[in-house]
């Protein structure tokens, strides 16, 4: 049997209390019930238009939002490997930036699979995913199962 820490149990109880048919409202309620004030958003540059709308909704709900897109650091992919030369996504810098902002909670908004994994690994704050990027089908992940 798994042993959940007191913090794990608290987080699960808050998530239970925040349940809502709308994932956006559920996320907003979870953050409010948790007492979070500063929310971090790490997004893919390819979905910037949607990220901007999402950030605006969070701000309208009363949160201070720190946001950074995946290419904002200016990383040249050649620093990682030669075949990735050119502007590159930089999820570690995204996590470091949000860590410096002292965010209470972070949201992955459309990062690629590997980038999301690294972002979550290096984030000091809890992370959830709001948008799963799937460019080939307009981000309709469930549509891939049909």
C-alpha atoms as a PDB file:
ATOM      1  CA  UNK A   1       0.000   0.000   0.000  1.00  0.00           C
ATOM      2  CA  UNK A   2       1.250   3.458  -0.866  1.00  0.00           C
ATOM      3  CA  UNK A   3       1.836   5.914   1.903  1.00  0.00           C
ATOM      4  CA  UNK A   4       0.653   9.390   1.072  1.00  0.00           C
ATOM      5  CA  UNK A   5       2.234  12.294   2.913  1.00  0.00           C
ATOM      6  CA  UNK A   6       0.057  14.827   4.676  1.00  0.00           C
ATOM      7  CA  UNK A   7       0.764  17.270   1.805  1.00  0.00           C
ATOM      8  CA  UNK A   8      -0.225  14.637  -0.793  1.00  0.00           C
ATOM      9  CA  UNK A   9      -3.501  14.028   1.030  1.00  0.00           C
ATOM     10  CA  UNK A  10      -4.141  17.758   1.296  1.00  0.00           C
ATOM     11  CA  UNK A  11      -3.518  18.297  -2.438  1.00  0.00           C
ATOM     12  CA  UNK A  12      -5.883  15.448  -3.322  1.00  0.00           C
ATOM     13  CA  UNK A  13      -8.598  16.795  -1.003  1.00  0.00           C
ATOM     14  CA  UNK A  14      -8.318  20.273  -2.514  1.00  0.00           C
ATOM     15  CA  UNK A  15      -8.510  18.792  -6.025  1.00  0.00           C
ATOM     16  CA  UNK A  16     -11.620  16.872  -4.965  1.00  0.00           C
ATOM     17  CA  UNK A  17     -13.212  20.055  -3.636  1.00  0.00           C
ATOM     18  CA  UNK A  18     -12.390  21.907  -6.882  1.00  0.00           C
ATOM     19  CA  UNK A  19     -14.040  19.343  -9.192  1.00  0.00           C
ATOM     20  CA  UNK A  20     -15.887  21.021 -12.041  1.00  0.00           C
ATOM     21  CA  UNK A  21     -16.993  19.958 -15.535  1.00  0.00           C
ATOM     22  CA  UNK A  22     -14.847  22.791 -16.939  1.00  0.00           C
ATOM     23  CA  UNK A  23     -11.130  22.038 -16.663  1.00  0.00           C
ATOM     24  CA  UNK A  24     -10.410  25.780 -16.694  1.00  0.00           C
ATOM     25  CA  UNK A  25     -12.799  26.493 -13.818  1.00  0.00           C
ATOM     26  CA  UNK A  26     -11.531  23.447 -11.944  1.00  0.00           C
ATOM     27  CA  UNK A  27      -7.976  24.738 -12.258  1.00  0.00           C
ATOM     28  CA  UNK A  28      -8.973  28.232 -11.126  1.00  0.00           C
ATOM     29  CA  UNK A  29     -10.909  26.839  -8.144  1.00  0.00           C
ATOM     30  CA  UNK A  30      -8.027  24.521  -7.194  1.00  0.00           C
ATOM     31  CA  UNK A  31      -5.598  27.437  -7.175  1.00  0.00           C
ATOM     32  CA  UNK A  32      -7.954  29.654  -5.169  1.00  0.00           C
ATOM     33  CA  UNK A  33      -8.748  26.974  -2.571  1.00  0.00           C
ATOM     34  CA  UNK A  34      -5.011  26.254  -2.282  1.00  0.00           C
ATOM     35  CA  UNK A  35      -4.312  29.925  -1.637  1.00  0.00           C
ATOM     36  CA  UNK A  36      -2.069  30.255  -4.687  1.00  0.00           C
ATOM     37  CA  UNK A  37      -1.533  33.836  -5.796  1.00  0.00           C
ATOM     38  CA  UNK A  38       1.218  33.592  -8.401  1.00  0.00           C
ATOM     39  CA  UNK A  39       0.719  31.136 -11.261  1.00  0.00           C
ATOM     40  CA  UNK A  40       3.392  30.191 -13.784  1.00  0.00           C
ATOM     41  CA  UNK A  41       2.609  29.295 -17.379  1.00  0.00           C
ATOM     42  CA  UNK A  42       5.181  27.548 -19.573  1.00  0.00           C
ATOM     43  CA  UNK A  43       3.891  27.391 -23.106  1.00  0.00           C
ATOM     44  CA  UNK A  44       4.915  26.295 -26.566  1.00  0.00           C
ATOM     45  CA  UNK A  45       5.503  29.243 -28.915  1.00  0.00           C
ATOM     46  CA  UNK A  46       3.387  27.378 -31.498  1.00  0.00           C
ATOM     47  CA  UNK A  47       0.254  27.829 -29.370  1.00  0.00           C
ATOM     48  CA  UNK A  48       1.014  31.389 -28.216  1.00  0.00           C
ATOM     49  CA  UNK A  49      -2.364  32.728 -29.358  1.00  0.00           C
ATOM     50  CA  UNK A  50      -4.171  30.245 -27.102  1.00  0.00           C
ATOM     51  CA  UNK A  51      -1.688  30.732 -24.254  1.00  0.00           C
ATOM     52  CA  UNK A  52      -2.368  34.474 -24.304  1.00  0.00           C
ATOM     53  CA  UNK A  53      -6.119  33.843 -23.964  1.00  0.00           C
ATOM     54  CA  UNK A  54      -5.474  31.358 -21.151  1.00  0.00           C
ATOM     55  CA  UNK A  55      -3.225  33.803 -19.302  1.00  0.00           C
ATOM     56  CA  UNK A  56      -5.880  36.516 -19.614  1.00  0.00           C
ATOM     57  CA  UNK A  57      -8.490  34.172 -18.047  1.00  0.00           C
ATOM     58  CA  UNK A  58      -6.148  33.483 -15.111  1.00  0.00           C
ATOM     59  CA  UNK A  59      -5.525  37.204 -14.626  1.00  0.00           C
ATOM     60  CA  UNK A  60      -9.268  37.918 -14.781  1.00  0.00           C
ATOM     61  CA  UNK A  61      -9.680  35.330 -12.008  1.00  0.00           C
ATOM     62  CA  UNK A  62      -7.362  37.440  -9.844  1.00  0.00           C
ATOM     63  CA  UNK A  63      -4.020  35.668 -10.229  1.00  0.00           C
ATOM     64  CA  UNK A  64      -0.639  37.197 -10.876  1.00  0.00           C
ATOM     65  CA  UNK A  65       0.710  35.272 -13.862  1.00  0.00           C
ATOM     66  CA  UNK A  66       4.336  34.772 -14.847  1.00  0.00           C
ATOM     67  CA  UNK A  67       4.608  33.300 -18.329  1.00  0.00           C
ATOM     68  CA  UNK A  68       7.396  32.203 -20.634  1.00  0.00           C
ATOM     69  CA  UNK A  69       7.291  30.561 -24.037  1.00  0.00           C
ATOM     70  CA  UNK A  70       9.630  27.762 -25.025  1.00  0.00           C
ATOM     71  CA  UNK A  71      11.856  29.844 -27.322  1.00  0.00           C
ATOM     72  CA  UNK A  72      12.132  32.941 -25.163  1.00  0.00           C
ATOM     73  CA  UNK A  73      15.593  32.088 -23.818  1.00  0.00           C
ATOM     74  CA  UNK A  74      17.204  32.225 -27.271  1.00  0.00           C
ATOM     75  CA  UNK A  75      18.795  28.788 -26.922  1.00  0.00           C
ATOM     76  CA  UNK A  76      20.518  27.520 -30.072  1.00  0.00           C
ATOM     77  CA  UNK A  77      19.689  23.830 -30.369  1.00  0.00           C
ATOM     78  CA  UNK A  78      23.273  23.136 -31.449  1.00  0.00           C
ATOM     79  CA  UNK A  79      24.167  23.494 -27.757  1.00  0.00           C
ATOM     80  CA  UNK A  80      22.183  20.289 -27.198  1.00  0.00           C
ATOM     81  CA  UNK A  81      23.113  18.446 -30.391  1.00  0.00           C
ATOM     82  CA  UNK A  82      24.319  19.540 -33.835  1.00  0.00           C
ATOM     83  CA  UNK A  83      21.245  18.304 -35.734  1.00  0.00           C
ATOM     84  CA  UNK A  84      19.064  20.637 -33.617  1.00  0.00           C
ATOM     85  CA  UNK A  85      20.900  23.815 -34.757  1.00  0.00           C
ATOM     86  CA  UNK A  86      18.742  26.942 -34.760  1.00  0.00           C
ATOM     87  CA  UNK A  87      16.181  28.422 -32.371  1.00  0.00           C
ATOM     88  CA  UNK A  88      15.329  25.691 -29.895  1.00  0.00           C
ATOM     89  CA  UNK A  89      12.815  25.035 -27.161  1.00  0.00           C
ATOM     90  CA  UNK A  90      14.317  25.389 -23.695  1.00  0.00           C
ATOM     91  CA  UNK A  91      12.112  23.811 -21.008  1.00  0.00           C
ATOM     92  CA  UNK A  92      14.836  23.922 -18.355  1.00  0.00           C
ATOM     93  CA  UNK A  93      15.100  27.708 -18.759  1.00  0.00           C
ATOM     94  CA  UNK A  94      11.313  27.925 -18.563  1.00  0.00           C
ATOM     95  CA  UNK A  95      11.377  26.101 -15.219  1.00  0.00           C
ATOM     96  CA  UNK A  96      14.283  28.188 -13.948  1.00  0.00           C
ATOM     97  CA  UNK A  97      12.510  31.426 -14.902  1.00  0.00           C
ATOM     98  CA  UNK A  98       9.313  30.416 -13.101  1.00  0.00           C
ATOM     99  CA  UNK A  99      11.389  29.255 -10.108  1.00  0.00           C
ATOM    100  CA  UNK A 100      12.976  32.743 -10.008  1.00  0.00           C
ATOM    101  CA  UNK A 101       9.471  34.245 -10.148  1.00  0.00           C
ATOM    102  CA  UNK A 102       8.611  32.200  -7.027  1.00  0.00           C
ATOM    103  CA  UNK A 103       5.423  30.870  -8.557  1.00  0.00           C
ATOM    104  CA  UNK A 104       3.079  28.957  -6.276  1.00  0.00           C
ATOM    105  CA  UNK A 105       1.890  26.616  -9.046  1.00  0.00           C
ATOM    106  CA  UNK A 106       2.929  26.022 -12.667  1.00  0.00           C
ATOM    107  CA  UNK A 107       0.983  25.033 -15.757  1.00  0.00           C
ATOM    108  CA  UNK A 108       2.308  23.240 -18.825  1.00  0.00           C
ATOM    109  CA  UNK A 109       0.459  24.752 -21.762  1.00  0.00           C
ATOM    110  CA  UNK A 110       1.181  22.764 -24.897  1.00  0.00           C
ATOM    111  CA  UNK A 111       4.816  21.804 -24.392  1.00  0.00           C
ATOM    112  CA  UNK A 112       6.078  18.879 -26.466  1.00  0.00           C
ATOM    113  CA  UNK A 113       6.280  15.554 -24.637  1.00  0.00           C
ATOM    114  CA  UNK A 114       9.997  15.602 -23.798  1.00  0.00           C
ATOM    115  CA  UNK A 115       9.990  19.302 -23.075  1.00  0.00           C
ATOM    116  CA  UNK A 116       7.088  18.902 -20.665  1.00  0.00           C
ATOM    117  CA  UNK A 117       8.943  16.138 -18.854  1.00  0.00           C
ATOM    118  CA  UNK A 118      12.021  18.321 -18.369  1.00  0.00           C
ATOM    119  CA  UNK A 119       9.938  21.344 -17.386  1.00  0.00           C
ATOM    120  CA  UNK A 120       8.180  19.316 -14.701  1.00  0.00           C
ATOM    121  CA  UNK A 121      11.461  17.789 -13.500  1.00  0.00           C
ATOM    122  CA  UNK A 122      13.093  21.200 -12.939  1.00  0.00           C
ATOM    123  CA  UNK A 123      10.064  23.108 -11.638  1.00  0.00           C
ATOM    124  CA  UNK A 124      10.125  23.732  -7.899  1.00  0.00           C
ATOM    125  CA  UNK A 125       6.353  24.263  -7.817  1.00  0.00           C
ATOM    126  CA  UNK A 126       3.709  21.645  -8.525  1.00  0.00           C
ATOM    127  CA  UNK A 127       2.914  21.330 -12.246  1.00  0.00           C
ATOM    128  CA  UNK A 128      -0.236  20.357 -14.088  1.00  0.00           C
ATOM    129  CA  UNK A 129      -0.917  20.235 -17.809  1.00  0.00           C
ATOM    130  CA  UNK A 130      -3.742  22.250 -19.300  1.00  0.00           C
ATOM    131  CA  UNK A 131      -3.171  21.792 -23.025  1.00  0.00           C
ATOM    132  CA  UNK A 132      -1.680  18.680 -24.567  1.00  0.00           C
ATOM    133  CA  UNK A 133      -0.225  19.744 -27.906  1.00  0.00           C
ATOM    134  CA  UNK A 134      -1.224  17.706 -30.934  1.00  0.00           C
ATOM    135  CA  UNK A 135      -0.724  20.003 -33.915  1.00  0.00           C
ATOM    136  CA  UNK A 136      -1.858  17.441 -36.509  1.00  0.00           C
ATOM    137  CA  UNK A 137      -5.430  17.364 -35.216  1.00  0.00           C
ATOM    138  CA  UNK A 138      -5.940  20.794 -33.651  1.00  0.00           C
ATOM    139  CA  UNK A 139      -4.980  19.507 -30.185  1.00  0.00           C
ATOM    140  CA  UNK A 140      -7.894  17.050 -30.057  1.00  0.00           C
ATOM    141  CA  UNK A 141      -6.168  14.260 -28.124  1.00  0.00           C
ATOM    142  CA  UNK A 142      -9.345  12.218 -27.657  1.00  0.00           C
ATOM    143  CA  UNK A 143      -9.988  12.366 -31.405  1.00  0.00           C
ATOM    144  CA  UNK A 144      -6.866  10.256 -31.881  1.00  0.00           C
ATOM    145  CA  UNK A 145      -8.621   7.364 -30.138  1.00  0.00           C
ATOM    146  CA  UNK A 146     -11.553   7.245 -32.539  1.00  0.00           C
END
